[in-house]
PDB file of N, CA and C in Angstrom:
ATOM      1  N   MET A   1       0.851  -1.178   0.000  1.00  0.00           N
ATOM      2  CA  MET A   1       0.000   0.000   0.000  1.00  0.00           C
ATOM      3  C   MET A   1       0.886   1.227   0.000  1.00  0.00           C
ATOM      4  N   SER A   2       0.553   2.149  -0.815  1.00  0.00           N
ATOM      5  CA  SER A   2       1.316   3.388  -0.908  1.00  0.00           C
ATOM      6  C   SER A   2       1.012   4.307   0.262  1.00  0.00           C
ATOM      7  N   GLY A   3       2.053   4.928   0.786  1.00  0.00           N
ATOM      8  CA  GLY A   3       1.869   5.911   1.850  1.00  0.00           C
ATOM      9  C   GLY A   3       1.180   7.166   1.347  1.00  0.00           C
ATOM     10  N   ALA A   4       1.100   7.317   0.019  1.00  0.00           N
ATOM     11  CA  ALA A   4       0.426   8.479  -0.561  1.00  0.00           C
ATOM     12  C   ALA A   4      -1.084   8.397  -0.374  1.00  0.00           C
ATOM     13  N   SER A   5      -1.607   7.167  -0.284  1.00  0.00           N
ATOM     14  CA  SER A   5      -3.058   7.016  -0.173  1.00  0.00           C
ATOM     15  C   SER A   5      -3.526   6.656   1.237  1.00  0.00           C
ATOM     16  N   GLU A   6      -2.619   6.131   2.061  1.00  0.00           N
ATOM     17  CA  GLU A   6      -2.990   5.760   3.427  1.00  0.00           C
ATOM     18  C   GLU A   6      -1.777   5.885   4.334  1.00  0.00           C
ATOM     19  N   SER A   7      -1.960   6.488   5.487  1.00  0.00           N
ATOM     20  CA  SER A   7      -0.854   6.673   6.423  1.00  0.00           C
ATOM     21  C   SER A   7      -0.362   5.334   6.955  1.00  0.00           C
ATOM     22  N   LYS A   8       0.952   5.180   7.012  1.00  0.00           N
ATOM     23  CA  LYS A   8       1.554   3.975   7.583  1.00  0.00           C
ATOM     24  C   LYS A   8       2.052   4.234   9.004  1.00  0.00           C
ATOM     25  N   ALA A   9       1.695   5.371   9.579  1.00  0.00           N
ATOM     26  CA  ALA A   9       2.207   5.779  10.888  1.00  0.00           C
ATOM     27  C   ALA A   9       1.833   4.815  12.013  1.00  0.00           C
ATOM     28  N   ASP A  10       0.748   4.078  11.860  1.00  0.00           N
ATOM     29  CA  ASP A  10       0.312   3.184  12.927  1.00  0.00           C
ATOM     30  C   ASP A  10       0.686   1.722  12.695  1.00  0.00           C
ATOM     31  N   VAL A  11       1.456   1.437  11.647  1.00  0.00           N
ATOM     32  CA  VAL A  11       1.840   0.055  11.353  1.00  0.00           C
ATOM     33  C   VAL A  11       2.847  -0.461  12.377  1.00  0.00           C
ATOM     34  N   PHE A  12       3.800   0.388  12.770  1.00  0.00           N
ATOM     35  CA  PHE A  12       4.834   0.022  13.732  1.00  0.00           C
ATOM     36  C   PHE A  12       4.901   1.092  14.812  1.00  0.00           C
ATOM     37  N   ALA A  13       5.322   0.676  16.000  1.00  0.00           N
ATOM     38  CA  ALA A  13       5.641   1.661  17.031  1.00  0.00           C
ATOM     39  C   ALA A  13       6.948   2.322  16.620  1.00  0.00           C
ATOM     40  N   TRP A  14       7.012   3.650  16.703  1.00  0.00           N
ATOM     41  CA  TRP A  14       8.211   4.350  16.266  1.00  0.00           C
ATOM     42  C   TRP A  14       8.483   5.557  17.153  1.00  0.00           C
ATOM     43  N   THR A  15       9.720   6.025  17.052  1.00  0.00           N
ATOM     44  CA  THR A  15      10.166   7.206  17.777  1.00  0.00           C
ATOM     45  C   THR A  15      10.873   8.106  16.772  1.00  0.00           C
ATOM     46  N   ALA A  16      10.716   9.405  16.924  1.00  0.00           N
ATOM     47  CA  ALA A  16      11.411  10.329  16.031  1.00  0.00           C
ATOM     48  C   ALA A  16      12.905  10.317  16.346  1.00  0.00           C
ATOM     49  N   GLY A  17      13.729  10.228  15.285  1.00  0.00           N
ATOM     50  CA  GLY A  17      15.174  10.289  15.445  1.00  0.00           C
ATOM     51  C   GLY A  17      15.627  11.715  15.685  1.00  0.00           C
ATOM     52  N   GLU A  18      16.916  11.916  15.747  1.00  0.00           N
ATOM     53  CA  GLU A  18      17.480  13.233  16.053  1.00  0.00           C
ATOM     54  C   GLU A  18      17.119  14.295  15.030  1.00  0.00           C
ATOM     55  N   VAL A  19      16.966  13.905  13.746  1.00  0.00           N
ATOM     56  CA  VAL A  19      16.583  14.895  12.727  1.00  0.00           C
ATOM     57  C   VAL A  19      15.101  14.806  12.370  1.00  0.00           C
ATOM     58  N   GLY A  20      14.351  13.991  13.131  1.00  0.00           N
ATOM     59  CA  GLY A  20      12.907  13.937  12.968  1.00  0.00           C
ATOM     60  C   GLY A  20      12.358  12.788  12.154  1.00  0.00           C
ATOM     61  N   ALA A  21      13.214  11.973  11.560  1.00  0.00           N
ATOM     62  CA  ALA A  21      12.735  10.830  10.776  1.00  0.00           C
ATOM     63  C   ALA A  21      12.156   9.769  11.714  1.00  0.00           C
ATOM     64  N   PRO A  22      11.088   9.087  11.293  1.00  0.00           N
ATOM     65  CA  PRO A  22      10.529   8.024  12.141  1.00  0.00           C
ATOM     66  C   PRO A  22      11.445   6.803  12.152  1.00  0.00           C
ATOM     67  N   ILE A  23      11.803   6.349  13.345  1.00  0.00           N
ATOM     68  CA  ILE A  23      12.664   5.179  13.526  1.00  0.00           C
ATOM     69  C   ILE A  23      11.814   4.086  14.165  1.00  0.00           C
ATOM     70  N   ILE A  24      11.673   2.945  13.494  1.00  0.00           N
ATOM     71  CA  ILE A  24      10.867   1.835  14.015  1.00  0.00           C
ATOM     72  C   ILE A  24      11.524   1.323  15.293  1.00  0.00           C
ATOM     73  N   ASP A  25      10.778   1.299  16.385  1.00  0.00           N
ATOM     74  CA  ASP A  25      11.315   0.944  17.699  1.00  0.00           C
ATOM     75  C   ASP A  25      11.970  -0.434  17.740  1.00  0.00           C
ATOM     76  N   GLU A  26      11.414  -1.416  17.046  1.00  0.00           N
ATOM     77  CA  GLU A  26      11.935  -2.778  17.122  1.00  0.00           C
ATOM     78  C   GLU A  26      12.966  -3.105  16.040  1.00  0.00           C
ATOM     79  N   ALA A  27      13.334  -2.137  15.218  1.00  0.00           N
ATOM     80  CA  ALA A  27      14.324  -2.390  14.169  1.00  0.00           C
ATOM     81  C   ALA A  27      15.706  -2.564  14.791  1.00  0.00           C
ATOM     82  N   ARG A  28      16.430  -3.576  14.356  1.00  0.00           N
ATOM     83  CA  ARG A  28      17.781  -3.803  14.867  1.00  0.00           C
ATOM     84  C   ARG A  28      18.768  -2.814  14.273  1.00  0.00           C
ATOM     85  N   LEU A  29      18.459  -2.293  13.085  1.00  0.00           N
ATOM     86  CA  LEU A  29      19.322  -1.325  12.409  1.00  0.00           C
ATOM     87  C   LEU A  29      18.454  -0.319  11.681  1.00  0.00           C
ATOM     88  N   SER A  30      18.699   0.954  11.901  1.00  0.00           N
ATOM     89  CA  SER A  30      17.999   2.020  11.190  1.00  0.00           C
ATOM     90  C   SER A  30      19.014   3.087  10.820  1.00  0.00           C
ATOM     91  N   MET A  31      18.849   3.648   9.641  1.00  0.00           N
ATOM     92  CA  MET A  31      19.698   4.746   9.207  1.00  0.00           C
ATOM     93  C   MET A  31      18.793   5.932   8.943  1.00  0.00           C
ATOM     94  N   GLU A  32      19.007   6.993   9.699  1.00  0.00           N
ATOM     95  CA  GLU A  32      18.205   8.204   9.568  1.00  0.00           C
ATOM     96  C   GLU A  32      18.896   9.109   8.563  1.00  0.00           C
ATOM     97  N   CYS A  33      18.165   9.508   7.531  1.00  0.00           N
ATOM     98  CA  CYS A  33      18.755  10.301   6.458  1.00  0.00           C
ATOM     99  C   CYS A  33      18.133  11.688   6.370  1.00  0.00           C
ATOM    100  N   SER A  34      18.901  12.612   5.828  1.00  0.00           N
ATOM    101  CA  SER A  34      18.420  13.949   5.511  1.00  0.00           C
ATOM    102  C   SER A  34      18.414  14.081   3.994  1.00  0.00           C
ATOM    103  N   VAL A  35      17.303  14.515   3.436  1.00  0.00           N
ATOM    104  CA  VAL A  35      17.208  14.680   1.988  1.00  0.00           C
ATOM    105  C   VAL A  35      17.991  15.926   1.583  1.00  0.00           C
ATOM    106  N   GLU A  36      18.942  15.745   0.664  1.00  0.00           N
ATOM    107  CA  GLU A  36      19.780  16.845   0.191  1.00  0.00           C
ATOM    108  C   GLU A  36      19.251  17.443  -1.113  1.00  0.00           C
ATOM    109  N   ASP A  37      18.632  16.579  -1.946  1.00  0.00           N
ATOM    110  CA  ASP A  37      18.138  17.033  -3.245  1.00  0.00           C
ATOM    111  C   ASP A  37      17.090  16.042  -3.739  1.00  0.00           C
ATOM    112  N   VAL A  38      16.256  16.476  -4.653  1.00  0.00           N
ATOM    113  CA  VAL A  38      15.250  15.614  -5.275  1.00  0.00           C
ATOM    114  C   VAL A  38      15.400  15.754  -6.783  1.00  0.00           C
ATOM    115  N   TRP A  39      15.606  14.635  -7.454  1.00  0.00           N
ATOM    116  CA  TRP A  39      15.705  14.615  -8.919  1.00  0.00           C
ATOM    117  C   TRP A  39      14.444  13.970  -9.460  1.00  0.00           C
ATOM    118  N   GLU A  40      13.772  14.662 -10.337  1.00  0.00           N
ATOM    119  CA  GLU A  40      12.578  14.094 -10.959  1.00  0.00           C
ATOM    120  C   GLU A  40      12.982  13.409 -12.254  1.00  0.00           C
ATOM    121  N   CYS A  41      12.494  12.198 -12.416  1.00  0.00           N
ATOM    122  CA  CYS A  41      12.813  11.399 -13.595  1.00  0.00           C
ATOM    123  C   CYS A  41      11.526  10.697 -14.019  1.00  0.00           C
ATOM    124  N   GLY A  42      10.866  11.239 -15.010  1.00  0.00           N
ATOM    125  CA  GLY A  42       9.582  10.675 -15.430  1.00  0.00           C
ATOM    126  C   GLY A  42       8.587  10.784 -14.297  1.00  0.00           C
ATOM    127  N   ALA A  43       7.969   9.658 -13.961  1.00  0.00           N
ATOM    128  CA  ALA A  43       6.953   9.640 -12.912  1.00  0.00           C
ATOM    129  C   ALA A  43       7.556   9.432 -11.520  1.00  0.00           C
ATOM    130  N   PHE A  44       8.885   9.385 -11.433  1.00  0.00           N
ATOM    131  CA  PHE A  44       9.538   9.085 -10.162  1.00  0.00           C
ATOM    132  C   PHE A  44      10.297  10.282  -9.618  1.00  0.00           C
ATOM    133  N   GLU A  45      10.322  10.378  -8.305  1.00  0.00           N
ATOM    134  CA  GLU A  45      11.194  11.315  -7.623  1.00  0.00           C
ATOM    135  C   GLU A  45      12.337  10.507  -7.023  1.00  0.00           C
ATOM    136  N   ASN A  46      13.563  10.906  -7.293  1.00  0.00           N
ATOM    137  CA  ASN A  46      14.743  10.243  -6.751  1.00  0.00           C
ATOM    138  C   ASN A  46      15.328  11.145  -5.679  1.00  0.00           C
ATOM    139  N   PHE A  47      15.488  10.614  -4.481  1.00  0.00           N
ATOM    140  CA  PHE A  47      15.966  11.397  -3.358  1.00  0.00           C
ATOM    141  C   PHE A  47      17.455  11.165  -3.156  1.00  0.00           C
ATOM    142  N   VAL A  48      18.210  12.247  -3.139  1.00  0.00           N
ATOM    143  CA  VAL A  48      19.629  12.198  -2.801  1.00  0.00           C
ATOM    144  C   VAL A  48      19.700  12.544  -1.320  1.00  0.00           C
ATOM    145  N   ALA A  49      20.217  11.623  -0.536  1.00  0.00           N
ATOM    146  CA  ALA A  49      20.193  11.799   0.913  1.00  0.00           C
ATOM    147  C   ALA A  49      21.568  11.551   1.519  1.00  0.00           C
ATOM    148  N   SER A  50      21.775  12.122   2.669  1.00  0.00           N
ATOM    149  CA  SER A  50      22.984  11.836   3.441  1.00  0.00           C
ATOM    150  C   SER A  50      22.544  11.178   4.742  1.00  0.00           C
ATOM    151  N   VAL A  51      23.371  10.251   5.214  1.00  0.00           N
ATOM    152  CA  VAL A  51      23.055   9.562   6.462  1.00  0.00           C
ATOM    153  C   VAL A  51      23.374  10.509   7.616  1.00  0.00           C
ATOM    154  N   ALA A  52      22.364  10.821   8.401  1.00  0.00           N
ATOM    155  CA  ALA A  52      22.533  11.727   9.541  1.00  0.00           C
ATOM    156  C   ALA A  52      22.901  10.944  10.806  1.00  0.00           C
ATOM    157  N   ASN A  53      22.263   9.780  10.981  1.00  0.00           N
ATOM    158  CA  ASN A  53      22.493   8.965  12.184  1.00  0.00           C
ATOM    159  C   ASN A  53      22.261   7.498  11.856  1.00  0.00           C
ATOM    160  N   THR A  54      22.982   6.636  12.530  1.00  0.00           N
ATOM    161  CA  THR A  54      22.777   5.200  12.420  1.00  0.00           C
ATOM    162  C   THR A  54      22.462   4.677  13.811  1.00  0.00           C
ATOM    163  N   TYR A  55      21.387   3.927  13.918  1.00  0.00           N
ATOM    164  CA  TYR A  55      20.959   3.351  15.189  1.00  0.00           C
ATOM    165  C   TYR A  55      21.063   1.837  15.043  1.00  0.00           C
ATOM    166  N   ALA A  56      21.832   1.195  15.920  1.00  0.00           N
ATOM    167  CA  ALA A  56      22.032  -0.247  15.814  1.00  0.00           C
ATOM    168  C   ALA A  56      22.044  -0.884  17.192  1.00  0.00           C
ATOM    169  N   GLU A  57      21.423  -2.059  17.275  1.00  0.00           N
ATOM    170  CA  GLU A  57      21.510  -2.836  18.514  1.00  0.00           C
ATOM    171  C   GLU A  57      22.960  -3.263  18.703  1.00  0.00           C
ATOM    172  N   GLU A  58      23.397  -3.289  19.929  1.00  0.00           N
ATOM    173  CA  GLU A  58      24.770  -3.702  20.217  1.00  0.00           C
ATOM    174  C   GLU A  58      25.058  -5.112  19.713  1.00  0.00           C
ATOM    175  N   SER A  59      24.044  -5.964  19.691  1.00  0.00           N
ATOM    176  CA  SER A  59      24.232  -7.362  19.287  1.00  0.00           C
ATOM    177  C   SER A  59      24.640  -7.519  17.825  1.00  0.00           C
ATOM    178  N   ILE A  60      24.456  -6.495  16.996  1.00  0.00           N
ATOM    179  CA  ILE A  60      24.835  -6.630  15.583  1.00  0.00           C
ATOM    180  C   ILE A  60      26.143  -5.904  15.255  1.00  0.00           C
ATOM    181  N   LEU A  61      26.805  -5.361  16.279  1.00  0.00           N
ATOM    182  CA  LEU A  61      28.075  -4.675  16.047  1.00  0.00           C
ATOM    183  C   LEU A  61      29.230  -5.673  16.099  1.00  0.00           C
ATOM    184  N   ASN A  62      30.246  -5.426  15.263  1.00  0.00           N
ATOM    185  CA  ASN A  62      31.416  -6.293  15.280  1.00  0.00           C
ATOM    186  C   ASN A  62      32.404  -5.819  16.355  1.00  0.00           C
ATOM    187  N   GLU A  63      33.572  -6.450  16.394  1.00  0.00           N
ATOM    188  CA  GLU A  63      34.554  -6.129  17.437  1.00  0.00           C
ATOM    189  C   GLU A  63      35.083  -4.697  17.332  1.00  0.00           C
ATOM    190  N   LYS A  64      34.913  -4.049  16.172  1.00  0.00           N
ATOM    191  CA  LYS A  64      35.354  -2.664  15.989  1.00  0.00           C
ATOM    192  C   LYS A  64      34.219  -1.666  16.231  1.00  0.00           C
ATOM    193  N   GLY A  65      33.053  -2.169  16.655  1.00  0.00           N
ATOM    194  CA  GLY A  65      31.914  -1.294  16.915  1.00  0.00           C
ATOM    195  C   GLY A  65      31.167  -0.877  15.665  1.00  0.00           C
ATOM    196  N   LYS A  66      31.443  -1.541  14.556  1.00  0.00           N
ATOM    197  CA  LYS A  66      30.772  -1.250  13.286  1.00  0.00           C
ATOM    198  C   LYS A  66      29.676  -2.279  13.053  1.00  0.00           C
ATOM    199  N   VAL A  67      28.700  -1.927  12.207  1.00  0.00           N
ATOM    200  CA  VAL A  67      27.621  -2.867  11.890  1.00  0.00           C
ATOM    201  C   VAL A  67      28.215  -4.073  11.175  1.00  0.00           C
ATOM    202  N   GLY A  68      27.952  -5.246  11.706  1.00  0.00           N
ATOM    203  CA  GLY A  68      28.395  -6.495  11.091  1.00  0.00           C
ATOM    204  C   GLY A  68      27.233  -7.075  10.294  1.00  0.00           C
ATOM    205  N   PHE A  69      27.228  -6.845   8.996  1.00  0.00           N
ATOM    206  CA  PHE A  69      26.083  -7.276   8.190  1.00  0.00           C
ATOM    207  C   PHE A  69      25.900  -8.794   8.210  1.00  0.00           C
ATOM    208  N   GLY A  70      26.934  -9.537   8.544  1.00  0.00           N
ATOM    209  CA  GLY A  70      26.797 -10.980   8.689  1.00  0.00           C
ATOM    210  C   GLY A  70      25.978 -11.378   9.899  1.00  0.00           C
ATOM    211  N   THR A  71      25.824 -10.474  10.866  1.00  0.00           N
ATOM    212  CA  THR A  71      25.055 -10.785  12.074  1.00  0.00           C
ATOM    213  C   THR A  71      23.577 -10.430  11.924  1.00  0.00           C
ATOM    214  N   LEU A  72      23.251  -9.673  10.890  1.00  0.00           N
ATOM    215  CA  LEU A  72      21.840  -9.370  10.622  1.00  0.00           C
ATOM    216  C   LEU A  72      21.229 -10.559   9.894  1.00  0.00           C
ATOM    217  N   HIS A  73      20.057 -10.968  10.291  1.00  0.00           N
ATOM    218  CA  HIS A  73      19.401 -12.091   9.623  1.00  0.00           C
ATOM    219  C   HIS A  73      18.616 -11.570   8.426  1.00  0.00           C
ATOM    220  N   ARG A  74      19.188 -11.721   7.267  1.00  0.00           N
ATOM    221  CA  ARG A  74      18.552 -11.398   5.992  1.00  0.00           C
ATOM    222  C   ARG A  74      17.918 -10.004   5.975  1.00  0.00           C
ATOM    223  N   PRO A  75      18.737  -8.952   6.013  1.00  0.00           N
ATOM    224  CA  PRO A  75      18.179  -7.600   5.930  1.00  0.00           C
ATOM    225  C   PRO A  75      17.438  -7.394   4.618  1.00  0.00           C
ATOM    226  N   VAL A  76      16.408  -6.564   4.641  1.00  0.00           N
ATOM    227  CA  VAL A  76      15.558  -6.335   3.476  1.00  0.00           C
ATOM    228  C   VAL A  76      15.908  -4.996   2.840  1.00  0.00           C
ATOM    229  N   LEU A  77      16.020  -5.001   1.534  1.00  0.00           N
ATOM    230  CA  LEU A  77      16.277  -3.799   0.746  1.00  0.00           C
ATOM    231  C   LEU A  77      15.119  -3.623  -0.221  1.00  0.00           C
ATOM    232  N   ILE A  78      14.875  -2.391  -0.660  1.00  0.00           N
ATOM    233  CA  ILE A  78      13.877  -2.165  -1.699  1.00  0.00           C
ATOM    234  C   ILE A  78      14.587  -1.643  -2.934  1.00  0.00           C
ATOM    235  N   GLU A  79      14.228  -2.185  -4.078  1.00  0.00           N
ATOM    236  CA  GLU A  79      14.818  -1.795  -5.347  1.00  0.00           C
ATOM    237  C   GLU A  79      13.747  -1.114  -6.174  1.00  0.00           C
ATOM    238  N   MET A  80      14.053   0.081  -6.621  1.00  0.00           N
ATOM    239  CA  MET A  80      13.107   0.836  -7.430  1.00  0.00           C
ATOM    240  C   MET A  80      13.716   1.022  -8.807  1.00  0.00           C
ATOM    241  N   PRO A  81      13.038   1.185  -9.872  1.00  0.00           N
ATOM    242  CA  PRO A  81      11.597   1.364  -9.970  1.00  0.00           C
ATOM    243  C   PRO A  81      10.816   0.069 -10.158  1.00  0.00           C
ATOM    244  N   ASN A  82      11.453  -1.087  -9.930  1.00  0.00           N
ATOM    245  CA  ASN A  82      10.754  -2.359 -10.131  1.00  0.00           C
ATOM    246  C   ASN A  82       9.880  -2.766  -8.948  1.00  0.00           C
ATOM    247  N   TYR A  83       9.870  -1.963  -7.881  1.00  0.00           N
ATOM    248  CA  TYR A  83       9.056  -2.260  -6.700  1.00  0.00           C
ATOM    249  C   TYR A  83       9.319  -3.677  -6.193  1.00  0.00           C
ATOM    250  N   THR A  84      10.589  -3.985  -5.981  1.00  0.00           N
ATOM    251  CA  THR A  84      10.986  -5.321  -5.569  1.00  0.00           C
ATOM    252  C   THR A  84      11.718  -5.258  -4.237  1.00  0.00           C
ATOM    253  N   TYR A  85      11.309  -6.105  -3.291  1.00  0.00           N
ATOM    254  CA  TYR A  85      12.015  -6.227  -2.029  1.00  0.00           C
ATOM    255  C   TYR A  85      13.024  -7.358  -2.170  1.00  0.00           C
ATOM    256  N   LEU A  86      14.242  -7.118  -1.717  1.00  0.00           N
ATOM    257  CA  LEU A  86      15.326  -8.093  -1.823  1.00  0.00           C
ATOM    258  C   LEU A  86      15.908  -8.339  -0.443  1.00  0.00           C
ATOM    259  N   THR A  87      16.525  -9.503  -0.253  1.00  0.00           N
ATOM    260  CA  THR A  87      17.250  -9.768   0.982  1.00  0.00           C
ATOM    261  C   THR A  87      18.698 -10.066   0.648  1.00  0.00           C
ATOM    262  N   LEU A  88      19.578  -9.706   1.564  1.00  0.00           N
ATOM    263  CA  LEU A  88      20.982 -10.057   1.406  1.00  0.00           C
ATOM    264  C   LEU A  88      21.149 -11.502   1.817  1.00  0.00           C
ATOM    265  N   GLY A  89      21.996 -12.202   1.104  1.00  0.00           N
ATOM    266  CA  GLY A  89      22.181 -13.615   1.384  1.00  0.00           C
ATOM    267  C   GLY A  89      23.557 -13.921   1.952  1.00  0.00           C
ATOM    268  N   ASP A  90      24.030 -15.111   1.652  1.00  0.00           N
ATOM    269  CA  ASP A  90      25.294 -15.600   2.173  1.00  0.00           C
ATOM    270  C   ASP A  90      26.476 -14.927   1.490  1.00  0.00           C
ATOM    271  N   VAL A  91      27.633 -15.012   2.139  1.00  0.00           N
ATOM    272  CA  VAL A  91      28.865 -14.532   1.543  1.00  0.00           C
ATOM    273  C   VAL A  91      29.208 -15.468   0.390  1.00  0.00           C
ATOM    274  N   VAL A  92      29.446 -14.899  -0.782  1.00  0.00           N
ATOM    275  CA  VAL A  92      29.779 -15.697  -1.958  1.00  0.00           C
ATOM    276  C   VAL A  92      31.286 -15.918  -2.023  1.00  0.00           C
ATOM    277  N   ALA A  93      32.048 -14.869  -1.771  1.00  0.00           N
ATOM    278  CA  ALA A  93      33.501 -14.960  -1.792  1.00  0.00           C
ATOM    279  C   ALA A  93      34.082 -13.725  -1.124  1.00  0.00           C
ATOM    280  N   ARG A  94      35.315 -13.806  -0.722  1.00  0.00           N
ATOM    281  CA  ARG A  94      36.036 -12.672  -0.156  1.00  0.00           C
ATOM    282  C   ARG A  94      36.838 -12.000  -1.267  1.00  0.00           C
ATOM    283  N   CYS A  95      36.948 -10.691  -1.199  1.00  0.00           N
ATOM    284  CA  CYS A  95      37.758  -9.961  -2.163  1.00  0.00           C
ATOM    285  C   CYS A  95      39.225 -10.108  -1.794  1.00  0.00           C
ATOM    286  N   LYS A  96      40.079 -10.035  -2.797  1.00  0.00           N
ATOM    287  CA  LYS A  96      41.520 -10.092  -2.532  1.00  0.00           C
ATOM    288  C   LYS A  96      41.965  -8.806  -1.858  1.00  0.00           C
ATOM    289  N   HIS A  97      42.933  -8.942  -0.994  1.00  0.00           N
ATOM    290  CA  HIS A  97      43.506  -7.768  -0.339  1.00  0.00           C
ATOM    291  C   HIS A  97      44.805  -7.454  -1.040  1.00  0.00           C
ATOM    292  N   VAL A  98      44.887  -6.321  -1.692  1.00  0.00           N
ATOM    293  CA  VAL A  98      46.080  -5.922  -2.422  1.00  0.00           C
ATOM    294  C   VAL A  98      46.850  -4.928  -1.582  1.00  0.00           C
ATOM    295  N   GLU A  99      48.119  -5.200  -1.359  1.00  0.00           N
ATOM    296  CA  GLU A  99      48.955  -4.285  -0.574  1.00  0.00           C
ATOM    297  C   GLU A  99      49.874  -3.497  -1.460  1.00  0.00           C
TER     298      GLU A  99
END
C-alpha cells in the first residue's frame, strides 16, 4: 500500500530520530537520512540523501563497533523502480587484499 493514499504511521511503534525521521522501535538497524536534493525522472522522484544517524543494537556490532552485516538475519532492501524487495544472502567470496 502506498503511503500516498494511506498513512503507515500506525503500522509500527516508532520514535522520532534526532533529525525527525521516524525510527521503528523494534528495528535492529535504522539509518536516519536527511534529503539533500530531489531529482525528478519521469513519474519518479529520486531522493539524494545523506546519512545523519545510524541506530544499531549492540548485538549486531562487530569487534570494531561497526555494523556487522553478517550478524543481521537477511536484511531487506527495496529496489526501485521495479518495486521489488530483496534480501541479502550468504557470503559468496572474499575480495583479494592488495597491498
